[in-house]
Amino acid sequence: SSIPPANPFDPEKAADALRKAMKGLGTNEDTVIQILTSHCNAQRLEIERKYRQLYNRDLRADLTSEISGKFLNIALTLLDHPRIFDVSECNEAMKGATTDEDALIEIVSTRSNEEIATICKFFKTTYKRDLERDVHAHTNEDIKPYLSSLLTGAREETLEPDVGLAKKEAQELFKAGEQMLTAEESTFHHMICVRSVPQLRETFSQYKKISGNDIEGAIESELSGNLQTAFLDIIKAIKNPASYFAERLFKSMKGAGTNDRTMVRAIVSRSEVDMAAIKEEFQKAYGKSVAEFIRGDTSGDYRKILVAIVKE
């Protein structure tokens, strides 16, 4: 990960440094960045508690009065429990006139059942609404069944794939041909909603052996538009999450303008999961480092804190 726990960890010293950085005239932004990006999430939450205890002040409120804009936004995000962050991102994804289905697919496809159960619970306590119901109301017919079943924790979590089952299901996919993806109750739909990640990887590799084609090839030839994109994303997130997030990051920064939400979500949510692997995949695919891309796309303290999270 790009943010391992600080060792030794001294929450009192960190809280004190933050207080000093914000006391009096002006703010020492570099200290704020250094402390927030050199401690893992659990430690940051501990520093926030310590800050309140020592000074009887709210760290978030102090940050809000001292810094602003995108820099403030990411500083506050770093003080969120990862699942609380997921909850607010799910809510944001469904707020506008159009739903950001890519964001929902990203969150639901790359979290464990336990994490998803926590997200659903936190969503309910935060918004007094049911996440699964909201998702059902705000998403495309074709993608609803997938999101709904993952939100109910239907995915198996076996670590070892059953090769016999993988061969059987790969054969069924191959036989179904173009019906494989379009039929509501197809093997494909059932599989990607229920089978464990290692099981799916095995099935996809068996499918390639049988058909001579990647599962992505079948999706590209049978589906089009949003549905094609959605299923290609789902497959990529299952097959190689690091490569999937590298692509999410690249798309958020390429061309004119930056999709800050997507970029920040990928960087913060993977900082303690697989950022090292994402950076490798990114460099391999795009010939530049994530940090170089961030530098070219952002500025000021916002740029500094993002680069500090991903590390050089």
Protein backbone atom coordinates (compact mmCIF):
# COMPACT_ATOMS: atom_id res chain seq x y z
CA SER A 1 0.00 0.00 0.00
CA SER A 2 1.13 3.60 -0.40
CA ILE A 3 0.16 4.57 3.15
CA PRO A 4 1.38 1.95 5.63
CA PRO A 5 0.80 2.55 9.37
CA ALA A 6 3.33 4.97 10.86
CA ASN A 7 5.70 3.16 13.17
CA PRO A 8 6.39 4.41 15.81
CA PHE A 9 2.98 6.05 16.13
CA ASP A 10 2.56 9.01 18.47
CA PRO A 11 -0.99 10.41 18.12
CA GLU A 12 -0.34 13.13 20.69
CA LYS A 13 2.69 14.44 18.83
CA ALA A 14 0.76 14.36 15.52
CA ALA A 15 -2.25 16.17 17.02
CA ASP A 16 0.07 18.76 18.51
CA ALA A 17 1.81 19.35 15.17
CA LEU A 18 -1.57 19.83 13.47
CA ARG A 19 -2.68 22.30 16.13
CA LYS A 20 0.55 24.29 15.76
CA ALA A 21 0.20 24.22 11.96
CA MET A 22 -3.20 25.92 12.22
CA LYS A 23 -2.71 28.25 15.17
CA GLY A 24 -2.24 31.98 14.73
CA LEU A 25 -1.98 33.64 11.36
CA GLY A 26 -1.79 31.48 8.27
CA THR A 27 -1.55 27.71 8.04
CA ASN A 28 1.41 25.45 7.58
CA GLU A 29 -0.12 23.37 4.78
CA ASP A 30 2.97 21.18 4.40
CA THR A 31 2.63 19.94 7.98
CA VAL A 32 -1.06 19.15 7.43
CA ILE A 33 -0.18 17.19 4.27
CA GLN A 34 2.72 15.40 5.92
CA ILE A 35 0.69 14.20 8.89
CA LEU A 36 -2.40 13.17 6.96
CA THR A 37 -0.42 11.19 4.38
CA SER A 38 2.12 9.51 6.67
CA HIS A 39 -0.48 7.81 8.89
CA CYS A 40 -2.93 5.11 7.82
CA ASN A 41 -6.68 5.66 8.11
CA ALA A 42 -7.05 4.04 11.55
CA GLN A 43 -4.21 6.24 12.86
CA ARG A 44 -5.71 9.39 11.34
CA LEU A 45 -8.97 8.67 13.17
CA GLU A 46 -6.98 8.18 16.36
CA ILE A 47 -5.19 11.53 15.80
CA GLU A 48 -8.57 13.20 15.30
CA ARG A 49 -9.80 11.79 18.66
CA LYS A 50 -6.58 12.84 20.37
CA TYR A 51 -6.92 16.36 18.93
CA ARG A 52 -10.40 16.71 20.44
CA GLN A 53 -9.22 15.32 23.76
CA LEU A 54 -6.16 17.59 24.02
CA TYR A 55 -7.63 20.86 22.78
CA ASN A 56 -11.36 20.36 23.08
CA ARG A 57 -11.55 21.33 19.40
CA ASP A 58 -12.88 19.64 16.30
CA LEU A 59 -10.11 18.87 13.81
CA ARG A 60 -12.50 18.94 10.84
CA ALA A 61 -13.89 22.32 11.85
CA ASP A 62 -10.37 23.71 12.29
CA LEU A 63 -9.28 22.39 8.88
CA THR A 64 -12.43 23.85 7.32
CA SER A 65 -11.68 27.30 8.69
CA GLU A 66 -8.01 27.16 7.63
CA ILE A 67 -7.95 25.55 4.18
CA SER A 68 -10.42 25.37 1.32
CA GLY A 69 -11.44 23.97 -2.05
CA LYS A 70 -10.27 20.63 -3.37
CA PHE A 71 -7.42 20.53 -0.86
CA LEU A 72 -9.90 20.74 2.03
CA ASN A 73 -12.14 18.17 0.40
CA ILE A 74 -9.39 15.56 0.24
CA ALA A 75 -8.10 16.37 3.74
CA LEU A 76 -11.59 15.70 5.15
CA THR A 77 -11.92 12.57 3.02
CA LEU A 78 -8.74 11.22 4.61
CA LEU A 79 -10.44 11.59 8.01
CA ASP A 80 -13.43 9.48 6.94
CA HIS A 81 -13.69 5.82 7.80
CA PRO A 82 -13.27 4.07 4.39
CA ARG A 83 -16.85 2.74 4.46
CA ILE A 84 -18.27 6.14 5.40
CA PHE A 85 -16.44 7.51 2.37
CA ASP A 86 -18.00 4.74 0.23
CA VAL A 87 -21.44 5.66 1.57
CA SER A 88 -21.12 9.33 0.66
CA GLU A 89 -19.77 8.37 -2.77
CA CYS A 90 -22.75 6.05 -3.40
CA ASN A 91 -25.07 8.87 -2.40
CA GLU A 92 -23.25 11.37 -4.66
CA ALA A 93 -23.41 8.93 -7.56
CA MET A 94 -27.22 8.95 -7.41
CA LYS A 95 -27.79 12.61 -6.58
CA GLY A 96 -27.82 14.27 -9.99
CA ALA A 97 -30.17 13.99 -12.92
CA THR A 98 -28.07 11.14 -14.29
CA THR A 99 -26.66 8.37 -12.13
CA ASP A 100 -22.93 7.74 -12.15
CA GLU A 101 -23.29 4.00 -12.69
CA ASP A 102 -19.55 3.60 -13.20
CA ALA A 103 -18.97 4.78 -9.63
CA LEU A 104 -21.56 2.35 -8.25
CA ILE A 105 -20.08 -0.51 -10.25
CA GLU A 106 -16.61 0.42 -9.01
CA ILE A 107 -17.59 0.44 -5.35
CA VAL A 108 -19.82 -2.64 -5.42
CA SER A 109 -17.42 -4.72 -7.55
CA THR A 110 -14.29 -4.09 -5.53
CA ARG A 111 -15.46 -4.38 -1.91
CA SER A 112 -15.87 -7.60 0.08
CA ASN A 113 -19.26 -8.85 1.32
CA GLU A 114 -18.39 -7.67 4.80
CA GLU A 115 -17.48 -4.21 3.51
CA ILE A 116 -20.69 -4.06 1.45
CA ALA A 117 -22.78 -5.04 4.49
CA THR A 118 -21.13 -2.19 6.44
CA ILE A 119 -21.78 0.24 3.57
CA CYS A 120 -25.49 -0.72 3.52
CA LYS A 121 -25.72 -0.31 7.30
CA PHE A 122 -23.94 3.08 7.33
CA PHE A 123 -26.02 4.26 4.36
CA LYS A 124 -29.21 3.52 6.27
CA THR A 125 -28.08 5.32 9.43
CA THR A 126 -26.74 8.30 7.45
CA TYR A 127 -29.57 8.88 4.98
CA LYS A 128 -32.48 6.95 6.54
CA ARG A 129 -32.87 5.19 3.18
CA ASP A 130 -32.18 1.74 1.87
CA LEU A 131 -29.14 1.63 -0.44
CA GLU A 132 -30.33 -1.35 -2.45
CA ARG A 133 -33.70 0.30 -3.02
CA ASP A 134 -32.04 3.57 -4.06
CA VAL A 135 -29.71 1.79 -6.47
CA HIS A 136 -32.65 -0.12 -7.90
CA ALA A 137 -34.55 3.12 -8.47
CA HIS A 138 -31.64 4.98 -10.06
CA THR A 139 -29.94 2.49 -12.37
CA ASN A 140 -30.35 1.03 -15.81
CA GLU A 141 -32.57 -2.09 -16.12
CA ASP A 142 -29.71 -4.23 -17.39
CA ILE A 143 -27.33 -3.43 -14.59
CA LYS A 144 -29.86 -3.52 -11.70
CA PRO A 145 -29.73 -7.30 -11.14
CA TYR A 146 -25.94 -7.24 -10.82
CA LEU A 147 -25.78 -4.32 -8.39
CA SER A 148 -28.73 -5.61 -6.35
CA SER A 149 -27.35 -9.07 -5.89
CA LEU A 150 -23.91 -7.81 -4.88
CA LEU A 151 -25.49 -5.39 -2.42
CA THR A 152 -27.25 -8.30 -0.74
CA GLY A 153 -23.88 -10.01 -0.27
CA ALA A 154 -24.65 -12.83 -2.68
CA ARG A 155 -21.05 -13.27 -3.83
CA GLU A 156 -19.40 -16.47 -2.59
CA GLU A 157 -16.06 -15.93 -0.90
CA THR A 158 -14.23 -19.21 -1.46
CA LEU A 159 -10.52 -18.74 -1.97
CA GLU A 160 -9.79 -21.88 -3.98
CA PRO A 161 -11.51 -22.20 -7.35
CA ASP A 162 -13.38 -25.38 -8.23
CA VAL A 163 -11.83 -26.21 -11.61
CA GLY A 164 -14.54 -28.73 -12.53
CA LEU A 165 -17.25 -26.12 -11.99
CA ALA A 166 -15.24 -23.52 -13.91
CA LYS A 167 -14.96 -25.88 -16.91
CA LYS A 168 -18.67 -26.69 -16.76
CA GLU A 169 -19.75 -23.04 -16.58
CA ALA A 170 -17.24 -21.95 -19.23
CA GLN A 171 -18.70 -24.64 -21.49
CA GLU A 172 -22.24 -23.37 -20.79
CA LEU A 173 -21.16 -19.82 -21.66
CA PHE A 174 -19.57 -21.02 -24.87
CA LYS A 175 -22.66 -23.04 -25.85
CA ALA A 176 -25.02 -20.16 -25.12
CA GLY A 177 -23.12 -17.98 -27.59
CA GLU A 178 -24.79 -14.64 -28.06
CA GLN A 179 -27.62 -15.57 -25.69
CA MET A 180 -25.01 -15.78 -22.98
CA LEU A 181 -25.25 -12.08 -22.18
CA THR A 182 -28.71 -11.07 -23.22
CA ALA A 183 -30.84 -13.69 -21.47
CA GLU A 184 -31.96 -12.37 -18.08
CA GLU A 185 -31.42 -15.66 -16.26
CA SER A 186 -28.28 -16.64 -18.13
CA THR A 187 -25.35 -18.54 -16.66
CA PHE A 188 -23.28 -15.40 -17.17
CA HIS A 189 -25.59 -13.21 -15.06
CA HIS A 190 -25.79 -15.83 -12.34
CA MET A 191 -22.03 -16.34 -12.35
CA ILE A 192 -20.88 -12.76 -12.10
CA CYS A 193 -23.37 -12.12 -9.29
CA VAL A 194 -22.66 -15.20 -7.22
CA ARG A 195 -19.29 -16.82 -7.90
CA SER A 196 -16.22 -15.85 -5.92
CA VAL A 197 -13.50 -13.79 -7.58
CA PRO A 198 -10.97 -16.68 -7.79
CA GLN A 199 -13.73 -18.89 -9.23
CA LEU A 200 -14.61 -16.32 -11.90
CA ARG A 201 -10.96 -15.89 -12.87
CA GLU A 202 -10.71 -19.64 -13.36
CA THR A 203 -13.92 -19.72 -15.42
CA PHE A 204 -12.72 -16.88 -17.65
CA SER A 205 -9.44 -18.68 -18.24
CA GLN A 206 -11.29 -21.94 -19.08
CA TYR A 207 -13.57 -19.97 -21.42
CA LYS A 208 -10.54 -18.71 -23.28
CA LYS A 209 -9.19 -22.26 -23.62
CA ILE A 210 -12.49 -23.52 -25.02
CA SER A 211 -13.37 -20.61 -27.29
CA GLY A 212 -9.97 -19.21 -28.17
CA ASN A 213 -11.38 -15.81 -27.24
CA ASP A 214 -11.36 -13.68 -24.10
CA ILE A 215 -14.69 -13.21 -22.36
CA GLU A 216 -14.23 -9.48 -23.13
CA GLY A 217 -14.25 -10.31 -26.84
CA ALA A 218 -17.66 -11.94 -26.47
CA ILE A 219 -18.98 -8.92 -24.58
CA GLU A 220 -17.63 -6.53 -27.20
CA SER A 221 -19.23 -8.42 -30.05
CA GLU A 222 -22.60 -9.06 -28.36
CA LEU A 223 -23.30 -5.87 -26.43
CA SER A 224 -23.05 -2.18 -27.16
CA GLY A 225 -23.26 1.18 -25.45
CA ASN A 226 -23.50 1.57 -21.68
CA LEU A 227 -24.19 -2.07 -21.05
CA GLN A 228 -21.05 -3.13 -22.90
CA THR A 229 -18.98 -0.62 -20.92
CA ALA A 230 -20.55 -1.73 -17.64
CA PHE A 231 -19.85 -5.42 -18.19
CA LEU A 232 -16.32 -4.80 -19.45
CA ASP A 233 -15.67 -2.79 -16.28
CA ILE A 234 -17.10 -5.55 -14.10
CA ILE A 235 -14.94 -8.19 -15.81
CA LYS A 236 -11.83 -6.02 -15.54
CA ALA A 237 -12.48 -5.32 -11.84
CA ILE A 238 -12.76 -9.07 -11.25
CA LYS A 239 -9.80 -10.16 -13.39
CA ASN A 240 -7.30 -7.49 -12.39
CA PRO A 241 -8.41 -4.79 -9.95
CA ALA A 242 -5.07 -2.95 -10.17
CA SER A 243 -5.36 -2.64 -13.94
CA TYR A 244 -9.02 -1.63 -13.60
CA PHE A 245 -8.14 1.19 -11.18
CA ALA A 246 -5.18 2.27 -13.31
CA GLU A 247 -7.62 2.71 -16.20
CA ARG A 248 -10.13 4.54 -13.97
CA LEU A 249 -7.36 6.93 -12.93
CA PHE A 250 -6.15 7.43 -16.48
CA LYS A 251 -9.65 8.20 -17.76
CA SER A 252 -10.24 10.63 -14.88
CA MET A 253 -7.17 12.66 -15.85
CA LYS A 254 -6.79 12.39 -19.62
CA GLY A 255 -8.02 15.05 -22.01
CA ALA A 256 -9.42 18.40 -20.98
CA GLY A 257 -10.50 18.74 -17.37
CA THR A 258 -10.24 16.26 -14.53
CA ASN A 259 -12.96 14.10 -13.07
CA ASP A 260 -11.87 14.88 -9.52
CA ARG A 261 -14.41 12.61 -7.82
CA THR A 262 -13.23 9.52 -9.68
CA MET A 263 -9.58 10.41 -9.26
CA VAL A 264 -9.81 11.12 -5.52
CA ARG A 265 -11.96 8.05 -4.88
CA ALA A 266 -9.48 5.76 -6.65
CA ILE A 267 -6.46 7.30 -4.93
CA VAL A 268 -7.90 7.41 -1.41
CA SER A 269 -9.82 4.13 -1.47
CA ARG A 270 -6.85 2.11 -2.80
CA SER A 271 -4.11 3.85 -0.78
CA GLU A 272 -4.11 1.03 1.77
CA VAL A 273 -5.13 -1.76 -0.59
CA ASP A 274 -3.18 -2.08 -3.83
CA MET A 275 -1.79 1.33 -4.80
CA ALA A 276 1.69 -0.11 -5.50
CA ALA A 277 0.20 -2.55 -8.02
CA ILE A 278 -1.99 0.18 -9.55
CA LYS A 279 1.06 2.40 -10.05
CA GLU A 280 2.86 -0.46 -11.80
CA GLU A 281 -0.10 -1.18 -14.09
CA PHE A 282 -0.46 2.53 -14.83
CA GLN A 283 3.18 2.95 -15.79
CA LYS A 284 2.99 -0.17 -17.97
CA ALA A 285 -0.18 0.89 -19.76
CA TYR A 286 0.42 4.64 -20.18
CA GLY A 287 4.20 5.05 -20.10
CA LYS A 288 4.08 7.64 -17.32
CA SER A 289 3.77 7.44 -13.56
CA VAL A 290 0.55 8.26 -11.69
CA ALA A 291 2.43 11.08 -9.94
CA GLU A 292 3.48 12.60 -13.29
CA PHE A 293 -0.12 12.51 -14.48
CA ILE A 294 -1.35 14.13 -11.25
CA ARG A 295 1.27 16.84 -11.57
CA GLY A 296 0.17 17.67 -15.09
CA ASP A 297 -3.47 17.77 -14.11
CA THR A 298 -3.65 19.53 -10.73
CA SER A 299 -1.99 22.38 -8.88
CA GLY A 300 -1.11 23.84 -5.49
CA ASP A 301 -1.64 22.02 -2.19
CA TYR A 302 -4.22 19.77 -3.86
CA ARG A 303 -1.47 18.48 -6.15
CA LYS A 304 0.93 18.14 -3.21
CA ILE A 305 -1.44 16.05 -1.09
CA LEU A 306 -2.40 13.77 -4.00
CA VAL A 307 1.24 13.10 -4.88
CA ALA A 308 1.99 12.52 -1.17
CA ILE A 309 -0.75 9.86 -1.02
CA VAL A 310 0.36 7.93 -4.10
CA LYS A 311 4.07 8.51 -3.30
CA GLU A 312 6.60 8.88 -6.10
